[in-house]
C-alpha atoms as a PDB file:
ATOM      1  CA  MET A   1     -29.197  -7.616 -14.316  1.00  0.00           C
ATOM      2  CA  ARG A   2     -28.488  -4.515 -16.670  1.00  0.00           C
ATOM      3  CA  LYS A   3     -24.919  -2.682 -16.335  1.00  0.00           C
ATOM      4  CA  ALA A   4     -25.698   1.145 -15.388  1.00  0.00           C
ATOM      5  CA  LYS A   5     -25.075   3.911 -18.039  1.00  0.00           C
ATOM      6  CA  LYS A   6     -22.587   6.058 -17.601  1.00  0.00           C
ATOM      7  CA  VAL A   7     -23.916   9.718 -18.635  1.00  0.00           C
ATOM      8  CA  GLY A   8     -21.837  12.792 -18.820  1.00  0.00           C
ATOM      9  CA  PRO A   9     -18.270  13.753 -19.348  1.00  0.00           C
ATOM     10  CA  GLN A  10     -16.330  11.075 -16.746  1.00  0.00           C
ATOM     11  CA  ARG A  11     -13.597  12.240 -14.162  1.00  0.00           C
ATOM     12  CA  PRO A  12     -10.051  11.220 -14.128  1.00  0.00           C
ATOM     13  CA  PRO A  13      -9.405   8.689 -11.583  1.00  0.00           C
ATOM     14  CA  HIS A  14      -7.427  10.802  -9.354  1.00  0.00           C
ATOM     15  CA  GLU A  15     -10.301  13.538  -9.227  1.00  0.00           C
ATOM     16  CA  GLU A  16     -12.592  10.368  -8.121  1.00  0.00           C
ATOM     17  CA  ASN A  17     -12.567  10.847  -4.597  1.00  0.00           C
ATOM     18  CA  PRO A  18     -11.276  13.975  -3.112  1.00  0.00           C
ATOM     19  CA  PRO A  19     -11.554  13.163   0.677  1.00  0.00           C
ATOM     20  CA  THR A  20      -9.594   9.827   0.291  1.00  0.00           C
ATOM     21  CA  THR A  21      -6.798  11.771  -1.645  1.00  0.00           C
ATOM     22  CA  SER A  22      -6.918  14.059   1.070  1.00  0.00           C
ATOM     23  CA  ALA A  23      -6.218  11.207   3.851  1.00  0.00           C
ATOM     24  CA  TYR A  24      -3.111  10.429   2.722  1.00  0.00           C
ATOM     25  CA  PRO A  25      -1.302  13.447   4.366  1.00  0.00           C
ATOM     26  CA  THR A  26      -2.903  13.130   7.328  1.00  0.00           C
ATOM     27  CA  LEU A  27      -1.829   9.395   7.489  1.00  0.00           C
ATOM     28  CA  ALA A  28       1.765  10.667   6.267  1.00  0.00           C
ATOM     29  CA  VAL A  29       1.989  13.020   9.323  1.00  0.00           C
ATOM     30  CA  LEU A  30       0.730  10.495  11.848  1.00  0.00           C
ATOM     31  CA  GLY A  31       3.065   8.122  10.420  1.00  0.00           C
ATOM     32  CA  LEU A  32       5.751  10.614  11.529  1.00  0.00           C
ATOM     33  CA  ILE A  33       4.496  10.393  14.598  1.00  0.00           C
ATOM     34  CA  HIS A  34       4.136   7.170  15.193  1.00  0.00           C
ATOM     35  CA  PRO A  35       5.900   5.250  12.350  1.00  0.00           C
ATOM     36  CA  LEU A  36       5.251   1.784  13.994  1.00  0.00           C
ATOM     37  CA  LYS A  37       1.925   2.015  14.441  1.00  0.00           C
ATOM     38  CA  MET A  38       1.063   3.097  10.799  1.00  0.00           C
ATOM     39  CA  LEU A  39       3.580   0.490   9.382  1.00  0.00           C
ATOM     40  CA  PRO A  40       0.538  -1.880   8.627  1.00  0.00           C
ATOM     41  CA  LEU A  41      -1.349   0.644   6.454  1.00  0.00           C
ATOM     42  CA  MET A  42       2.613   1.459   4.669  1.00  0.00           C
ATOM     43  CA  MET A  43       3.045  -2.474   3.728  1.00  0.00           C
ATOM     44  CA  PHE A  44      -0.595  -2.477   2.486  1.00  0.00           C
ATOM     45  CA  THR A  45       0.268   0.826   0.165  1.00  0.00           C
ATOM     46  CA  ILE A  46       3.423  -1.300  -1.020  1.00  0.00           C
ATOM     47  CA  PHE A  47       1.282  -4.277  -1.684  1.00  0.00           C
ATOM     48  CA  TYR A  48      -1.527  -2.940  -3.922  1.00  0.00           C
ATOM     49  CA  LYS A  49       0.776  -0.483  -5.572  1.00  0.00           C
ATOM     50  CA  SER A  50       3.096  -3.251  -6.744  1.00  0.00           C
ATOM     51  CA  ILE A  51       0.151  -5.351  -7.631  1.00  0.00           C
ATOM     52  CA  TRP A  52      -1.301  -2.457 -10.043  1.00  0.00           C
ATOM     53  CA  LEU A  53       2.195  -1.952 -10.893  1.00  0.00           C
ATOM     54  CA  ILE A  54       2.691  -5.591 -12.274  1.00  0.00           C
ATOM     55  CA  ILE A  55      -0.816  -6.296 -13.682  1.00  0.00           C
ATOM     56  CA  VAL A  56      -1.725  -3.025 -15.125  1.00  0.00           C
ATOM     57  CA  ALA A  57       1.281  -0.968 -16.131  1.00  0.00           C
ATOM     58  CA  TYR A  58       3.280  -3.358 -16.765  1.00  0.00           C
ATOM     59  CA  PRO A  59       2.014  -5.098 -19.735  1.00  0.00           C
ATOM     60  CA  LEU A  60       1.166  -1.763 -21.537  1.00  0.00           C
ATOM     61  CA  TRP A  61       4.344  -0.778 -20.887  1.00  0.00           C
ATOM     62  CA  ARG A  62       5.882  -4.149 -22.466  1.00  0.00           C
ATOM     63  CA  ALA A  63       3.418  -2.926 -25.232  1.00  0.00           C
ATOM     64  CA  ASN A  64       4.685   0.167 -25.666  1.00  0.00           C
ATOM     65  CA  ALA A  65       1.238   1.558 -25.054  1.00  0.00           C
ATOM     66  CA  LEU A  66       1.585   2.747 -21.442  1.00  0.00           C
ATOM     67  CA  TRP A  67       2.610   6.401 -22.482  1.00  0.00           C
ATOM     68  CA  GLY A  68      -0.608   8.623 -23.395  1.00  0.00           C
ATOM     69  CA  SER A  69      -3.074   5.704 -22.234  1.00  0.00           C
ATOM     70  CA  PRO A  70      -5.421   6.715 -19.091  1.00  0.00           C
ATOM     71  CA  ALA A  71      -2.843   4.465 -16.934  1.00  0.00           C
ATOM     72  CA  GLU A  72      -0.094   7.080 -17.242  1.00  0.00           C
ATOM     73  CA  PRO A  73      -0.892   9.185 -14.822  1.00  0.00           C
ATOM     74  CA  MET A  74      -1.483   6.557 -12.182  1.00  0.00           C
ATOM     75  CA  THR A  75       1.896   5.047 -13.216  1.00  0.00           C
ATOM     76  CA  LYS A  76       3.564   8.396 -12.587  1.00  0.00           C
ATOM     77  CA  ALA A  77       2.172   8.879  -8.937  1.00  0.00           C
ATOM     78  CA  PHE A  78       3.629   5.385  -8.205  1.00  0.00           C
ATOM     79  CA  ARG A  79       7.002   6.562  -9.512  1.00  0.00           C
ATOM     80  CA  TRP A  80       7.896   6.921  -5.761  1.00  0.00           C
ATOM     81  CA  LEU A  81       7.406   3.230  -4.635  1.00  0.00           C
ATOM     82  CA  PRO A  82      11.061   2.282  -4.400  1.00  0.00           C
ATOM     83  CA  LEU A  83      11.407   5.134  -1.347  1.00  0.00           C
ATOM     84  CA  ALA A  84       8.595   3.435   0.496  1.00  0.00           C
ATOM     85  CA  ILE A  85      10.174   0.010   0.073  1.00  0.00           C
ATOM     86  CA  ILE A  86      13.821   1.398   1.134  1.00  0.00           C
ATOM     87  CA  ALA A  87      12.103   2.984   4.167  1.00  0.00           C
ATOM     88  CA  VAL A  88      10.370   0.024   5.513  1.00  0.00           C
ATOM     89  CA  PRO A  89      12.017  -1.400   8.330  1.00  0.00           C
ATOM     90  CA  TRP A  90      11.928  -5.204   6.885  1.00  0.00           C
ATOM     91  CA  GLY A  91      13.565  -6.515  10.006  1.00  0.00           C
ATOM     92  CA  TYR A  92      11.203  -5.154  12.260  1.00  0.00           C
ATOM     93  CA  VAL A  93       8.346  -6.384   9.589  1.00  0.00           C
ATOM     94  CA  VAL A  94       9.675 -10.189   9.432  1.00  0.00           C
ATOM     95  CA  ARG A  95      10.136 -10.361  13.319  1.00  0.00           C
ATOM     96  CA  ASN A  96       6.628  -8.958  14.355  1.00  0.00           C
ATOM     97  CA  TYR A  97       4.558  -9.648  11.247  1.00  0.00           C
ATOM     98  CA  VAL A  98       5.913 -12.649   9.418  1.00  0.00           C
ATOM     99  CA  LYS A  99       7.472 -14.969  12.235  1.00  0.00           C
ATOM    100  CA  TRP A 100       5.282 -16.764  14.600  1.00  0.00           C
ATOM    101  CA  PRO A 101       5.911 -15.829  18.239  1.00  0.00           C
ATOM    102  CA  LYS A 102       7.643 -18.094  20.501  1.00  0.00           C
ATOM    103  CA  THR A 103       5.499 -20.173  22.571  1.00  0.00           C
ATOM    104  CA  GLN A 104       6.468 -19.875  26.279  1.00  0.00           C
ATOM    105  CA  SER A 105       6.512 -23.988  28.182  1.00  0.00           C
ATOM    106  CA  LEU A 106       4.481 -23.999  30.559  1.00  0.00           C
ATOM    107  CA  GLU A 107       7.095 -24.494  33.482  1.00  0.00           C
ATOM    108  CA  GLN A 108       8.354 -20.580  31.996  1.00  0.00           C
ATOM    109  CA  SER A 109       5.145 -19.147  32.411  1.00  0.00           C
ATOM    110  CA  ARG A 110       4.393 -20.735  36.109  1.00  0.00           C
ATOM    111  CA  ALA A 111       8.061 -19.536  36.690  1.00  0.00           C
ATOM    112  CA  ARG A 112       7.399 -15.989  35.531  1.00  0.00           C
ATOM    113  CA  ALA A 113       3.875 -16.028  37.679  1.00  0.00           C
ATOM    114  CA  ALA A 114       5.601 -17.225  40.959  1.00  0.00           C
END
């Protein structure tokens, strides 16, 4: 299988997909209106940005090659990640997404039904 040839000048990654980048402000407004419903999206964002910073930016930074590289603008865009991590209600996340819900015994469910 042959690779497709890239013809012409390449656009920077932040210009790659304007509909995707315009979706973030919309989702941010929805997050202000319904914060707990948007929490899974916030956790996904924290997860992928953290992975990118660890796998891509950190090795470049350690090699003193991050500044001036194509990864620099993306790294600067992710600099607000600590604020997102601070804003997440982690107790709620653990109670609702990490811990298994307590199961009711058969007697308890029958007593509630009666």
